[in-house]
């Protein structure tokens, strides 16, 4: 199975959960709908964000039906750093790993805002420079006190110019 098929299957299951059990729950944001966002292959997993009226979770699911998660938690390494997922059983699907991004979803005005935020969160995981300090901070961190006070003079002396 590919990531797109898994996303469609998960979305159908969560739509049914919404219809059956969550539609009238006070934690649901009526402006939102169930949507699978940004699902892609990630090694032997499908990875994406499931947006629902009651949560937005990063979800990892095995691409192969024969594969499953053995532990209660799963730690995945992304370019931006590690993320820990809780593994659980989803009726009608099997074992999935989830990492909560938002719950409840009352901060989102509409589906477009929820979708954009979900995609931005997913994109951030794959940003290897997410935790890099800004350029000015990096430069300041590499300067010592002597270089700050005497840097110009040393450069001038090294170039053979008079101070």
N, C-alpha and C. Protein backbone atom coordinates (compact mmCIF):
# COMPACT_ATOMS: atom_id res chain seq x y z
N UNK A 1 0.86 -1.18 0.00
CA UNK A 1 0.00 0.00 0.00
C UNK A 1 0.90 1.23 0.00
N UNK A 2 0.47 2.30 -0.63
CA UNK A 2 1.27 3.53 -0.64
C UNK A 2 0.70 4.55 0.36
N UNK A 3 1.46 5.62 0.57
CA UNK A 3 1.07 6.63 1.56
C UNK A 3 -0.28 7.27 1.23
N UNK A 4 -0.54 7.51 -0.06
CA UNK A 4 -1.81 8.12 -0.46
C UNK A 4 -2.99 7.23 -0.13
N UNK A 5 -2.87 5.93 -0.37
CA UNK A 5 -3.95 4.99 -0.06
C UNK A 5 -4.17 4.90 1.45
N UNK A 6 -3.08 4.90 2.21
CA UNK A 6 -3.20 4.87 3.67
C UNK A 6 -3.89 6.14 4.16
N UNK A 7 -3.53 7.28 3.60
CA UNK A 7 -4.16 8.55 3.99
C UNK A 7 -5.66 8.51 3.74
N UNK A 8 -6.06 8.01 2.56
CA UNK A 8 -7.49 7.92 2.24
C UNK A 8 -8.22 6.98 3.20
N UNK A 9 -7.58 5.86 3.50
CA UNK A 9 -8.19 4.87 4.41
C UNK A 9 -8.35 5.46 5.81
N UNK A 10 -7.31 6.12 6.31
CA UNK A 10 -7.39 6.75 7.63
C UNK A 10 -8.45 7.85 7.66
N UNK A 11 -8.49 8.67 6.63
CA UNK A 11 -9.49 9.74 6.58
C UNK A 11 -10.91 9.17 6.61
N UNK A 12 -11.13 8.09 5.88
CA UNK A 12 -12.46 7.46 5.88
C UNK A 12 -12.82 6.95 7.27
N UNK A 13 -11.87 6.36 7.97
CA UNK A 13 -12.12 5.85 9.33
C UNK A 13 -12.44 7.01 10.27
N UNK A 14 -11.65 8.08 10.20
CA UNK A 14 -11.90 9.23 11.10
C UNK A 14 -13.19 9.97 10.74
N UNK A 15 -13.57 9.97 9.48
CA UNK A 15 -14.87 10.56 9.12
C UNK A 15 -16.01 9.76 9.76
N UNK A 16 -15.87 8.45 9.75
CA UNK A 16 -16.88 7.59 10.37
C UNK A 16 -16.91 7.80 11.89
N UNK A 17 -15.75 7.93 12.50
CA UNK A 17 -15.70 8.21 13.95
C UNK A 17 -16.39 9.54 14.24
N UNK A 18 -16.15 10.53 13.40
CA UNK A 18 -16.81 11.82 13.58
C UNK A 18 -18.32 11.67 13.46
N UNK A 19 -18.77 10.99 12.42
CA UNK A 19 -20.20 10.82 12.18
C UNK A 19 -20.86 10.05 13.32
N UNK A 20 -20.22 8.99 13.78
CA UNK A 20 -20.80 8.12 14.80
C UNK A 20 -20.72 8.68 16.21
N UNK A 21 -19.55 9.26 16.57
CA UNK A 21 -19.32 9.55 17.98
C UNK A 21 -18.92 10.97 18.33
N UNK A 22 -18.34 11.70 17.40
CA UNK A 22 -17.75 12.97 17.78
C UNK A 22 -18.52 14.20 17.31
N UNK A 23 -19.41 14.05 16.39
CA UNK A 23 -20.09 15.19 15.75
C UNK A 23 -20.64 16.20 16.75
N UNK A 24 -21.23 15.74 17.83
CA UNK A 24 -21.85 16.64 18.80
C UNK A 24 -20.99 16.87 20.04
N UNK A 25 -19.76 16.39 20.01
CA UNK A 25 -18.88 16.56 21.17
C UNK A 25 -18.48 18.03 21.31
N UNK A 26 -18.45 18.54 22.53
CA UNK A 26 -18.14 19.95 22.73
C UNK A 26 -16.70 20.33 22.35
N UNK A 27 -15.81 19.36 22.24
CA UNK A 27 -14.42 19.68 21.87
C UNK A 27 -14.24 19.83 20.36
N UNK A 28 -15.28 19.55 19.58
CA UNK A 28 -15.17 19.65 18.13
C UNK A 28 -15.36 21.07 17.64
N UNK A 29 -14.57 21.43 16.65
CA UNK A 29 -14.68 22.72 15.99
C UNK A 29 -15.52 22.48 14.73
N UNK A 30 -16.73 23.00 14.72
CA UNK A 30 -17.67 22.77 13.61
C UNK A 30 -17.19 23.36 12.28
N UNK A 31 -16.20 24.24 12.30
CA UNK A 31 -15.68 24.84 11.08
C UNK A 31 -14.70 23.90 10.36
N UNK A 32 -14.36 22.79 11.00
CA UNK A 32 -13.35 21.88 10.45
C UNK A 32 -13.95 20.56 10.01
N UNK A 33 -13.23 19.89 9.12
CA UNK A 33 -13.60 18.57 8.62
C UNK A 33 -12.40 17.65 8.74
N UNK A 34 -12.63 16.37 8.57
CA UNK A 34 -11.54 15.39 8.57
C UNK A 34 -10.79 15.50 7.25
N UNK A 35 -9.46 15.60 7.35
CA UNK A 35 -8.63 15.68 6.14
C UNK A 35 -7.24 15.13 6.43
N UNK A 36 -6.74 14.30 5.53
CA UNK A 36 -5.36 13.81 5.59
C UNK A 36 -4.49 14.81 4.85
N UNK A 37 -3.44 15.30 5.52
CA UNK A 37 -2.60 16.35 4.95
C UNK A 37 -1.16 15.85 4.80
N UNK A 38 -0.63 15.98 3.59
CA UNK A 38 0.79 15.79 3.34
C UNK A 38 1.33 14.39 3.51
N UNK A 39 0.53 13.37 3.39
CA UNK A 39 1.04 12.01 3.59
C UNK A 39 2.08 11.67 2.53
N UNK A 40 3.16 11.05 2.99
CA UNK A 40 4.28 10.67 2.12
C UNK A 40 4.94 9.42 2.66
N UNK A 41 5.70 8.75 1.81
CA UNK A 41 6.51 7.62 2.26
C UNK A 41 7.65 8.16 3.11
N UNK A 42 7.89 7.49 4.22
CA UNK A 42 8.99 7.84 5.11
C UNK A 42 9.62 6.52 5.56
N UNK A 43 10.61 6.07 4.80
CA UNK A 43 11.17 4.75 5.05
C UNK A 43 10.10 3.72 4.76
N UNK A 44 9.83 2.84 5.73
CA UNK A 44 8.80 1.83 5.56
C UNK A 44 7.46 2.25 6.18
N UNK A 45 7.31 3.56 6.37
CA UNK A 45 6.09 4.12 6.96
C UNK A 45 5.43 5.13 6.02
N UNK A 46 4.14 5.30 6.22
CA UNK A 46 3.42 6.44 5.64
C UNK A 46 3.36 7.47 6.76
N UNK A 47 3.66 8.72 6.44
CA UNK A 47 3.71 9.76 7.44
C UNK A 47 2.95 10.98 6.94
N UNK A 48 2.11 11.54 7.80
CA UNK A 48 1.36 12.73 7.44
C UNK A 48 0.64 13.26 8.66
N UNK A 49 -0.20 14.25 8.45
CA UNK A 49 -0.99 14.84 9.53
C UNK A 49 -2.45 14.57 9.26
N UNK A 50 -3.14 14.07 10.27
CA UNK A 50 -4.58 13.90 10.20
C UNK A 50 -5.22 15.06 10.94
N UNK A 51 -5.99 15.85 10.20
CA UNK A 51 -6.73 16.96 10.77
C UNK A 51 -8.16 16.49 10.96
N UNK A 52 -8.68 16.68 12.15
CA UNK A 52 -10.09 16.37 12.43
C UNK A 52 -10.67 17.57 13.18
N UNK A 53 -11.97 17.62 13.37
CA UNK A 53 -12.54 18.72 14.16
C UNK A 53 -12.12 18.70 15.63
N UNK A 54 -11.54 17.61 16.11
CA UNK A 54 -11.17 17.52 17.52
C UNK A 54 -9.67 17.38 17.76
N UNK A 55 -8.86 17.08 16.75
CA UNK A 55 -7.41 17.03 16.92
C UNK A 55 -6.71 17.16 15.58
N UNK A 56 -5.40 17.47 15.65
CA UNK A 56 -4.49 17.35 14.51
C UNK A 56 -3.31 16.54 15.04
N UNK A 57 -3.08 15.37 14.46
CA UNK A 57 -2.01 14.49 14.89
C UNK A 57 -1.09 14.17 13.73
N UNK A 58 0.18 14.11 14.02
CA UNK A 58 1.14 13.52 13.10
C UNK A 58 0.93 12.02 13.21
N UNK A 59 0.80 11.34 12.07
CA UNK A 59 0.51 9.91 12.08
C UNK A 59 1.55 9.17 11.26
N UNK A 60 2.03 8.07 11.82
CA UNK A 60 2.92 7.15 11.12
C UNK A 60 2.23 5.80 11.09
N UNK A 61 2.15 5.20 9.91
CA UNK A 61 1.52 3.90 9.75
C UNK A 61 2.39 3.05 8.82
N UNK A 62 2.49 1.76 9.10
CA UNK A 62 3.29 0.89 8.23
C UNK A 62 2.74 0.87 6.80
N UNK A 63 3.65 0.93 5.83
CA UNK A 63 3.24 0.82 4.42
C UNK A 63 2.82 -0.60 4.08
N UNK A 64 3.38 -1.56 4.79
CA UNK A 64 3.10 -2.98 4.54
C UNK A 64 2.13 -3.48 5.61
N UNK A 65 0.99 -4.05 5.17
CA UNK A 65 0.00 -4.55 6.12
C UNK A 65 0.56 -5.60 7.07
N UNK A 66 1.59 -6.34 6.64
CA UNK A 66 2.16 -7.39 7.47
C UNK A 66 3.05 -6.81 8.58
N UNK A 67 3.47 -5.59 8.42
CA UNK A 67 4.34 -4.94 9.41
C UNK A 67 3.48 -4.30 10.50
N UNK A 68 4.01 -4.25 11.72
CA UNK A 68 3.28 -3.62 12.81
C UNK A 68 4.28 -3.02 13.79
N UNK A 69 3.78 -2.24 14.72
CA UNK A 69 4.60 -1.68 15.78
C UNK A 69 4.52 -2.60 16.98
N UNK A 70 5.67 -2.91 17.57
CA UNK A 70 5.69 -3.82 18.71
C UNK A 70 5.61 -3.09 20.05
N UNK A 71 6.16 -1.91 20.13
CA UNK A 71 6.24 -1.18 21.40
C UNK A 71 5.04 -0.24 21.57
N UNK A 72 4.93 0.33 22.76
CA UNK A 72 3.86 1.29 23.05
C UNK A 72 4.21 2.68 22.55
N UNK A 73 5.49 2.92 22.33
CA UNK A 73 5.94 4.21 21.80
C UNK A 73 6.92 3.97 20.66
N UNK A 74 7.06 4.98 19.84
CA UNK A 74 7.95 4.92 18.69
C UNK A 74 8.66 6.26 18.59
N UNK A 75 9.97 6.23 18.49
CA UNK A 75 10.75 7.46 18.32
C UNK A 75 11.25 7.47 16.88
N UNK A 76 10.91 8.53 16.17
CA UNK A 76 11.36 8.68 14.79
C UNK A 76 12.32 9.85 14.68
N UNK A 77 13.33 9.69 13.86
CA UNK A 77 14.32 10.74 13.64
C UNK A 77 13.99 11.47 12.35
N UNK A 78 13.89 12.79 12.46
CA UNK A 78 13.64 13.66 11.32
C UNK A 78 14.82 14.62 11.18
N UNK A 79 14.98 15.25 10.04
CA UNK A 79 16.06 16.22 9.91
C UNK A 79 16.04 17.31 10.99
N UNK A 80 14.87 17.69 11.46
CA UNK A 80 14.75 18.73 12.49
C UNK A 80 14.94 18.19 13.89
N UNK A 81 14.97 16.88 14.06
CA UNK A 81 15.12 16.27 15.38
C UNK A 81 14.21 15.08 15.56
N UNK A 82 14.24 14.50 16.74
CA UNK A 82 13.45 13.31 17.04
C UNK A 82 12.04 13.69 17.49
N UNK A 83 11.10 12.81 17.22
CA UNK A 83 9.72 12.97 17.70
C UNK A 83 9.26 11.65 18.26
N UNK A 84 8.56 11.69 19.37
CA UNK A 84 8.05 10.47 20.00
C UNK A 84 6.57 10.33 19.71
N UNK A 85 6.18 9.14 19.34
CA UNK A 85 4.81 8.80 18.98
C UNK A 85 4.27 7.78 19.96
N UNK A 86 2.97 7.85 20.22
CA UNK A 86 2.28 6.82 20.98
C UNK A 86 1.67 5.84 19.99
N UNK A 87 1.84 4.57 20.27
CA UNK A 87 1.32 3.53 19.40
C UNK A 87 0.01 3.02 19.99
N UNK A 88 -1.00 2.91 19.13
CA UNK A 88 -2.30 2.42 19.59
C UNK A 88 -2.97 1.65 18.46
N UNK A 89 -4.07 1.03 18.79
CA UNK A 89 -4.86 0.27 17.83
C UNK A 89 -6.02 1.15 17.36
N UNK A 90 -6.17 1.29 16.06
CA UNK A 90 -7.29 2.03 15.49
C UNK A 90 -8.24 1.03 14.86
N UNK A 91 -9.46 0.94 15.39
CA UNK A 91 -10.44 -0.01 14.86
C UNK A 91 -10.61 0.19 13.36
N UNK A 92 -10.57 -0.91 12.64
CA UNK A 92 -10.75 -0.87 11.20
C UNK A 92 -9.46 -0.62 10.44
N UNK A 93 -8.37 -0.37 11.17
CA UNK A 93 -7.10 -0.11 10.51
C UNK A 93 -5.98 -1.00 11.04
N UNK A 94 -5.80 -0.99 12.34
CA UNK A 94 -4.67 -1.69 12.96
C UNK A 94 -3.86 -0.72 13.79
N UNK A 95 -2.60 -1.06 14.01
CA UNK A 95 -1.75 -0.23 14.85
C UNK A 95 -1.21 0.97 14.08
N UNK A 96 -1.31 2.12 14.73
CA UNK A 96 -0.74 3.36 14.18
C UNK A 96 0.03 4.06 15.28
N UNK A 97 0.91 4.94 14.87
CA UNK A 97 1.67 5.76 15.82
C UNK A 97 1.23 7.20 15.63
N UNK A 98 0.91 7.87 16.74
CA UNK A 98 0.42 9.24 16.67
C UNK A 98 1.24 10.16 17.57
N UNK A 99 1.39 11.38 17.11
CA UNK A 99 2.06 12.43 17.87
C UNK A 99 1.14 13.66 17.82
N UNK A 100 0.62 14.04 18.96
CA UNK A 100 -0.36 15.13 19.00
C UNK A 100 0.28 16.46 18.65
N UNK A 101 -0.36 17.18 17.75
CA UNK A 101 0.07 18.54 17.39
C UNK A 101 -0.85 19.57 18.04
N UNK A 102 -2.17 19.36 17.91
CA UNK A 102 -3.17 20.28 18.47
C UNK A 102 -4.38 19.49 18.94
N UNK A 103 -4.87 19.86 20.12
CA UNK A 103 -6.13 19.32 20.62
C UNK A 103 -6.51 20.12 21.85
N UNK A 104 -7.68 20.69 21.88
CA UNK A 104 -8.69 20.72 20.83
C UNK A 104 -8.29 21.67 19.71
N UNK A 105 -9.19 21.81 18.75
CA UNK A 105 -8.89 22.57 17.53
C UNK A 105 -9.60 23.92 17.50
N UNK A 106 -9.97 24.45 18.64
CA UNK A 106 -10.75 25.69 18.69
C UNK A 106 -9.97 26.93 18.25
N UNK A 107 -8.66 26.85 18.12
CA UNK A 107 -7.86 28.01 17.69
C UNK A 107 -7.93 28.23 16.17
N UNK A 108 -8.50 27.28 15.43
CA UNK A 108 -8.52 27.38 13.97
C UNK A 108 -9.85 27.94 13.48
N UNK A 109 -9.78 29.00 12.69
CA UNK A 109 -10.99 29.66 12.18
C UNK A 109 -11.66 28.85 11.08
N UNK A 110 -10.85 28.14 10.28
CA UNK A 110 -11.44 27.39 9.17
C UNK A 110 -10.50 26.26 8.72
N UNK A 111 -10.97 25.48 7.77
CA UNK A 111 -10.22 24.33 7.27
C UNK A 111 -8.90 24.75 6.62
N UNK A 112 -8.91 25.87 5.91
CA UNK A 112 -7.68 26.34 5.27
C UNK A 112 -6.59 26.61 6.29
N UNK A 113 -6.95 27.24 7.40
CA UNK A 113 -5.97 27.53 8.45
C UNK A 113 -5.45 26.25 9.08
N UNK A 114 -6.32 25.30 9.34
CA UNK A 114 -5.90 24.02 9.92
C UNK A 114 -4.99 23.26 8.95
N UNK A 115 -5.36 23.24 7.69
CA UNK A 115 -4.56 22.54 6.67
C UNK A 115 -3.18 23.18 6.53
N UNK A 116 -3.13 24.51 6.45
CA UNK A 116 -1.86 25.21 6.30
C UNK A 116 -0.95 24.97 7.51
N UNK A 117 -1.52 24.98 8.69
CA UNK A 117 -0.74 24.74 9.91
C UNK A 117 -0.23 23.30 9.94
N UNK A 118 -1.07 22.37 9.57
CA UNK A 118 -0.66 20.96 9.51
C UNK A 118 0.49 20.78 8.53
N UNK A 119 0.39 21.38 7.36
CA UNK A 119 1.45 21.26 6.36
C UNK A 119 2.73 21.93 6.84
N UNK A 120 2.61 23.08 7.49
CA UNK A 120 3.79 23.77 8.02
C UNK A 120 4.49 22.94 9.09
N UNK A 121 3.71 22.28 9.95
CA UNK A 121 4.30 21.42 10.98
C UNK A 121 5.03 20.24 10.35
N UNK A 122 4.43 19.66 9.35
CA UNK A 122 5.05 18.53 8.65
C UNK A 122 6.32 18.99 7.93
N UNK A 123 6.26 20.12 7.25
CA UNK A 123 7.43 20.66 6.56
C UNK A 123 8.57 20.95 7.55
N UNK A 124 8.22 21.46 8.72
CA UNK A 124 9.23 21.80 9.72
C UNK A 124 10.01 20.56 10.17
N UNK A 125 9.36 19.41 10.23
CA UNK A 125 10.07 18.18 10.61
C UNK A 125 11.21 17.86 9.66
N UNK A 126 11.04 18.23 8.41
CA UNK A 126 12.03 17.90 7.39
C UNK A 126 13.00 19.06 7.13
N UNK A 127 12.97 20.09 7.98
CA UNK A 127 13.87 21.23 7.85
C UNK A 127 15.08 21.00 8.74
N UNK A 128 16.19 20.61 8.13
CA UNK A 128 17.40 20.31 8.89
C UNK A 128 17.95 21.55 9.61
N UNK A 129 17.57 22.74 9.18
CA UNK A 129 18.09 23.97 9.77
C UNK A 129 17.11 24.62 10.75
N UNK A 130 16.08 23.89 11.13
CA UNK A 130 15.05 24.44 12.01
C UNK A 130 15.63 24.99 13.30
N UNK A 131 16.59 24.30 13.87
CA UNK A 131 17.13 24.72 15.17
C UNK A 131 18.44 25.48 15.06
N UNK A 132 18.84 25.84 13.85
CA UNK A 132 20.04 26.66 13.68
C UNK A 132 19.77 28.05 14.25
N UNK A 133 20.74 28.60 14.98
CA UNK A 133 20.54 29.98 15.46
C UNK A 133 20.58 30.93 14.27
N UNK A 134 19.93 32.07 14.39
CA UNK A 134 20.01 33.06 13.32
C UNK A 134 21.46 33.43 13.05
N UNK A 135 21.74 33.88 11.86
CA UNK A 135 23.11 34.17 11.40
C UNK A 135 23.86 35.10 12.36
N UNK A 136 23.24 36.15 12.83
CA UNK A 136 23.91 37.09 13.73
C UNK A 136 24.30 36.41 15.04
N UNK A 137 23.44 35.53 15.55
CA UNK A 137 23.76 34.82 16.79
C UNK A 137 24.93 33.87 16.57
N UNK A 138 24.97 33.20 15.42
CA UNK A 138 26.09 32.30 15.12
C UNK A 138 27.39 33.08 15.08
N UNK A 139 27.40 34.24 14.45
CA UNK A 139 28.61 35.04 14.35
C UNK A 139 29.05 35.51 15.72
N UNK A 140 28.12 35.97 16.54
CA UNK A 140 28.47 36.44 17.87
C UNK A 140 29.02 35.31 18.72
N UNK A 141 28.50 34.14 18.56
CA UNK A 141 28.95 33.00 19.35
C UNK A 141 30.37 32.60 19.00
N UNK A 142 30.83 32.89 17.80
CA UNK A 142 32.17 32.50 17.40
C UNK A 142 33.22 33.57 17.72
N UNK A 143 32.79 34.73 18.13
CA UNK A 143 33.74 35.79 18.47
C UNK A 143 34.07 35.74 19.96
N UNK A 144 35.35 35.86 20.27
CA UNK A 144 35.71 36.00 21.67
C UNK A 144 35.96 37.48 21.96
N UNK A 145 36.14 37.80 23.21
CA UNK A 145 36.31 39.20 23.62
C UNK A 145 37.51 39.84 22.93
N UNK A 146 38.59 39.13 22.82
CA UNK A 146 39.81 39.67 22.20
C UNK A 146 39.56 40.01 20.74
N UNK A 147 38.84 39.13 20.03
CA UNK A 147 38.56 39.40 18.61
C UNK A 147 37.68 40.62 18.45
N UNK A 148 36.74 40.80 19.36
CA UNK A 148 35.85 41.96 19.28
C UNK A 148 36.65 43.25 19.45
N UNK A 149 37.55 43.29 20.46
CA UNK A 149 38.28 44.51 20.75
C UNK A 149 39.47 44.75 19.81
N UNK A 150 40.10 43.68 19.38
CA UNK A 150 41.34 43.85 18.62
C UNK A 150 41.26 43.35 17.18
N UNK A 151 40.10 42.91 16.75
CA UNK A 151 39.96 42.34 15.42
C UNK A 151 40.39 43.28 14.32
N UNK A 152 39.94 44.50 14.34
CA UNK A 152 40.30 45.45 13.29
C UNK A 152 41.80 45.73 13.29
N UNK A 153 42.32 45.94 14.47
CA UNK A 153 43.75 46.26 14.57
C UNK A 153 44.58 45.10 14.05
N UNK A 154 44.24 43.89 14.43
CA UNK A 154 45.00 42.74 13.97
C UNK A 154 44.92 42.62 12.46
N UNK A 155 43.74 42.79 11.91
CA UNK A 155 43.60 42.70 10.46
C UNK A 155 44.46 43.76 9.78
N UNK A 156 44.45 44.97 10.33
CA UNK A 156 45.23 46.06 9.75
C UNK A 156 46.73 45.73 9.83
N UNK A 157 47.17 45.17 10.98
CA UNK A 157 48.57 44.81 11.15
C UNK A 157 48.96 43.68 10.20
N UNK A 158 48.03 42.69 10.05
CA UNK A 158 48.31 41.56 9.16
C UNK A 158 48.42 42.02 7.72
N UNK A 159 47.65 43.03 7.36
CA UNK A 159 47.69 43.53 5.98
C UNK A 159 48.88 44.47 5.75
N UNK A 160 49.63 44.79 6.80
CA UNK A 160 50.79 45.65 6.66
C UNK A 160 50.45 47.13 6.73
N UNK A 161 49.22 47.44 7.09
CA UNK A 161 48.79 48.83 7.20
C UNK A 161 49.13 49.34 8.58
N UNK A 162 49.30 50.62 8.69
CA UNK A 162 49.57 51.23 9.99
C UNK A 162 48.28 51.31 10.78
N UNK A 163 48.36 51.17 12.11
CA UNK A 163 47.16 51.25 12.95
C UNK A 163 46.54 52.61 13.01
